[in-house]
């Protein structure tokens, strides 16, 4: 059904939010601030900018806090964050049947390093990170670039993500969207909703 699969990174390919949230929580605690991990992750899942703005407004956290958090995250996340169960198998399957995987993330080059470290890199055909400086989701610009660059029929493309921003970016670009969730939230704009990656096989189809 779909030949071109565009993947978000954090919370979709890799289970990063629990690690990022815990590091953020510990960094807040160093400032004498106590916040529930679930609450931190809730804000992060909207966007990292949303989380930072929330805690800046609530506690007037400084640039030094943000620098400290980013330093800790970069030093710890590579050893702690892993792909979700089934990611390697589904990416390998898409590649094997002639489909193409693409990465679209607001992260920098660390996302590509993760893919290489977990032997996923060779299953991907292109990578959109913060390095390209596209307007952030839900802007369609990065997806439209992929459609043009790889001569993709929009009807054969789908974006998979865990946030409303991912889904809206896809819909704004005129392609289909699949919402990945643990069941705690929903996205009314998505064409599909899954809670494990085994469900993707029937959506993508047996062959491309």
Protein backbone atom coordinates (compact mmCIF):
# COMPACT_ATOMS: atom_id res chain seq x y z
CA UNK A 1 0.00 0.00 0.00
CA UNK A 2 2.82 2.41 0.88
CA UNK A 3 6.24 2.49 -0.78
CA UNK A 4 7.69 5.44 1.15
CA UNK A 5 7.70 5.46 4.95
CA UNK A 6 8.78 8.68 6.71
CA UNK A 7 9.72 8.19 10.35
CA UNK A 8 9.85 10.57 13.28
CA UNK A 9 12.70 9.77 15.69
CA UNK A 10 12.03 10.55 19.37
CA UNK A 11 9.14 8.49 20.68
CA UNK A 12 8.68 6.67 17.37
CA UNK A 13 11.86 4.95 16.19
CA UNK A 14 13.60 5.25 19.56
CA UNK A 15 12.19 5.16 23.09
CA UNK A 16 13.91 8.34 24.22
CA UNK A 17 11.30 10.23 26.25
CA UNK A 18 11.70 8.28 29.53
CA UNK A 19 15.46 8.90 29.46
CA UNK A 20 15.22 12.56 28.44
CA UNK A 21 12.47 13.13 31.00
CA UNK A 22 14.48 11.54 33.81
CA UNK A 23 17.55 13.62 32.99
CA UNK A 24 15.39 16.75 32.89
CA UNK A 25 13.83 15.81 36.24
CA UNK A 26 17.24 15.31 37.85
CA UNK A 27 18.49 18.61 36.44
CA UNK A 28 15.43 20.39 37.90
CA UNK A 29 16.11 18.74 41.26
CA UNK A 30 19.62 20.19 41.24
CA UNK A 31 17.87 23.57 41.14
CA UNK A 32 15.67 22.60 44.09
CA UNK A 33 12.64 21.96 41.86
CA UNK A 34 10.54 18.80 42.16
CA UNK A 35 8.33 17.77 39.24
CA UNK A 36 6.65 14.46 38.37
CA UNK A 37 8.30 12.55 35.54
CA UNK A 38 4.98 11.93 33.78
CA UNK A 39 4.27 15.65 33.77
CA UNK A 40 7.68 16.45 32.28
CA UNK A 41 7.25 13.86 29.55
CA UNK A 42 3.75 15.15 28.77
CA UNK A 43 5.21 18.56 27.93
CA UNK A 44 8.15 17.06 26.02
CA UNK A 45 5.79 15.04 23.82
CA UNK A 46 4.16 18.25 22.62
CA UNK A 47 7.63 19.57 21.82
CA UNK A 48 10.89 20.23 23.60
CA UNK A 49 10.28 23.93 23.10
CA UNK A 50 6.93 23.60 24.85
CA UNK A 51 8.56 21.88 27.83
CA UNK A 52 11.27 24.52 28.12
CA UNK A 53 8.78 27.37 27.87
CA UNK A 54 6.56 25.77 30.51
CA UNK A 55 9.37 25.42 33.06
CA UNK A 56 10.87 28.79 32.19
CA UNK A 57 7.51 30.38 32.96
CA UNK A 58 6.94 28.28 36.08
CA UNK A 59 10.40 28.52 37.64
CA UNK A 60 12.39 31.05 35.63
CA UNK A 61 14.97 28.41 34.75
CA UNK A 62 18.05 29.93 33.17
CA UNK A 63 20.16 29.31 30.10
CA UNK A 64 22.68 27.57 32.35
CA UNK A 65 19.98 25.05 33.29
CA UNK A 66 19.31 24.31 29.63
CA UNK A 67 23.03 23.98 28.92
CA UNK A 68 23.42 21.62 31.88
CA UNK A 69 20.47 19.50 30.75
CA UNK A 70 21.75 19.25 27.17
CA UNK A 71 25.24 18.33 28.36
CA UNK A 72 23.88 15.53 30.56
CA UNK A 73 21.54 14.29 27.85
CA UNK A 74 24.31 14.06 25.28
CA UNK A 75 26.57 12.19 27.69
CA UNK A 76 23.94 9.67 28.79
CA UNK A 77 21.35 9.03 26.10
CA UNK A 78 23.49 6.96 23.73
CA UNK A 79 23.96 4.29 26.37
CA UNK A 80 20.37 4.37 27.64
CA UNK A 81 18.04 4.96 24.67
CA UNK A 82 17.12 2.06 22.41
CA UNK A 83 14.81 1.43 19.45
CA UNK A 84 11.28 0.31 20.19
CA UNK A 85 10.58 -3.41 19.91
CA UNK A 86 10.03 -4.39 16.30
CA UNK A 87 11.68 -1.34 14.72
CA UNK A 88 14.64 -3.18 13.23
CA UNK A 89 12.39 -5.89 11.79
CA UNK A 90 9.90 -3.50 10.18
CA UNK A 91 12.59 -1.22 8.73
CA UNK A 92 14.43 -4.24 7.37
CA UNK A 93 11.18 -5.60 5.90
CA UNK A 94 10.34 -2.32 4.15
CA UNK A 95 13.83 -2.18 2.69
CA UNK A 96 13.76 -5.84 1.62
CA UNK A 97 10.47 -5.58 -0.32
CA UNK A 98 11.64 -2.53 -2.25
CA UNK A 99 10.19 0.22 -0.09
CA UNK A 100 12.10 3.18 1.27
CA UNK A 101 12.49 4.51 4.79
CA UNK A 102 13.18 8.19 5.48
CA UNK A 103 14.04 9.97 8.72
CA UNK A 104 12.39 13.29 9.59
CA UNK A 105 13.33 14.71 12.99
CA UNK A 106 13.95 18.02 14.71
CA UNK A 107 17.04 16.43 16.26
CA UNK A 108 20.51 17.09 14.96
CA UNK A 109 23.00 14.54 13.69
CA UNK A 110 22.69 12.50 16.90
CA UNK A 111 19.68 10.79 15.30
CA UNK A 112 21.88 9.46 12.50
CA UNK A 113 24.46 8.29 15.02
CA UNK A 114 21.73 6.32 16.80
CA UNK A 115 20.69 4.68 13.52
CA UNK A 116 24.29 3.68 12.81
CA UNK A 117 24.88 2.37 16.34
CA UNK A 118 21.84 0.10 16.14
CA UNK A 119 22.46 -1.07 12.55
CA UNK A 120 19.44 0.75 11.12
CA UNK A 121 21.22 3.30 8.96
CA UNK A 122 21.46 1.16 5.81
CA UNK A 123 17.69 0.68 5.73
CA UNK A 124 17.15 4.44 5.21
CA UNK A 125 17.26 6.35 1.93
CA UNK A 126 17.40 9.92 3.21
CA UNK A 127 17.60 11.89 6.44
CA UNK A 128 16.04 15.20 7.44
CA UNK A 129 17.49 16.61 10.67
CA UNK A 130 17.83 20.10 12.14
CA UNK A 131 20.95 20.45 9.99
CA UNK A 132 18.83 21.18 6.90
CA UNK A 133 17.10 24.02 8.77
CA UNK A 134 13.60 23.39 7.42
CA UNK A 135 10.70 25.12 9.14
CA UNK A 136 9.64 22.97 12.08
CA UNK A 137 6.63 20.66 12.12
CA UNK A 138 3.73 21.01 11.48
CA UNK A 139 5.15 22.80 8.44
CA UNK A 140 5.05 20.48 5.40
CA UNK A 141 8.29 21.86 3.93
CA UNK A 142 10.62 18.96 4.79
CA UNK A 143 8.14 16.35 3.58
CA UNK A 144 7.50 18.28 0.39
CA UNK A 145 11.25 18.34 -0.16
CA UNK A 146 11.38 14.54 0.16
CA UNK A 147 8.46 14.13 -2.24
CA UNK A 148 10.21 16.26 -4.84
CA UNK A 149 13.75 14.98 -4.30
CA UNK A 150 12.76 11.32 -4.56
CA UNK A 151 9.89 11.73 -7.06
CA UNK A 152 7.39 10.28 -4.59
CA UNK A 153 3.71 9.87 -5.36
CA UNK A 154 2.00 11.37 -2.26
CA UNK A 155 -0.55 8.52 -2.30
CA UNK A 156 2.32 6.07 -1.75
CA UNK A 157 3.83 7.92 1.22
CA UNK A 158 3.03 7.80 4.93
CA UNK A 159 4.48 9.59 7.96
CA UNK A 160 4.73 7.71 11.26
CA UNK A 161 4.97 9.75 14.44
CA UNK A 162 3.92 9.94 18.07
CA UNK A 163 2.83 13.57 18.22
CA UNK A 164 0.11 15.72 16.70
CA UNK A 165 2.90 17.77 15.10
CA UNK A 166 4.06 14.76 13.09
CA UNK A 167 0.57 13.94 11.91
CA UNK A 168 -0.26 17.53 10.96
CA UNK A 169 3.01 17.87 9.07
CA UNK A 170 2.05 14.84 6.99
CA UNK A 171 -1.50 16.02 6.35
CA UNK A 172 -0.26 19.51 5.42
CA UNK A 173 2.02 17.89 2.84
CA UNK A 174 -0.84 15.84 1.38
CA UNK A 175 0.33 12.40 2.50
CA UNK A 176 -1.11 9.82 4.88
CA UNK A 177 -0.22 9.63 8.56
CA UNK A 178 0.06 6.94 11.21
CA UNK A 179 -0.08 7.82 14.90
CA UNK A 180 2.01 5.69 17.28
CA UNK A 181 0.74 5.74 20.86
CA UNK A 182 0.91 3.78 24.08
CA UNK A 183 -2.84 4.23 24.33
CA UNK A 184 -2.77 7.20 26.68
CA UNK A 185 -3.63 9.69 23.95
CA UNK A 186 -5.29 9.90 20.54
CA UNK A 187 -4.96 11.93 17.35
CA UNK A 188 -8.12 12.61 15.39
CA UNK A 189 -6.22 13.80 12.30
CA UNK A 190 -4.40 10.51 11.74
CA UNK A 191 -5.38 7.97 9.09
CA UNK A 192 -4.15 5.10 11.26
CA UNK A 193 -3.36 4.54 14.92
CA UNK A 194 -1.05 1.79 16.19
CA UNK A 195 0.34 0.82 19.58
CA UNK A 196 2.94 -1.68 18.34
CA UNK A 197 4.91 -2.02 15.16
CA UNK A 198 3.55 -5.44 14.23
CA UNK A 199 0.43 -3.56 13.18
CA UNK A 200 2.37 -1.73 10.48
CA UNK A 201 2.76 -4.82 8.32
CA UNK A 202 -0.92 -4.87 7.38
CA UNK A 203 -0.92 -1.10 6.76
CA UNK A 204 2.14 -1.10 4.50
CA UNK A 205 0.99 -4.19 2.63
CA UNK A 206 2.68 -7.47 1.68
CA UNK A 207 4.70 -6.05 -1.18
CA UNK A 208 5.55 -2.78 -2.83
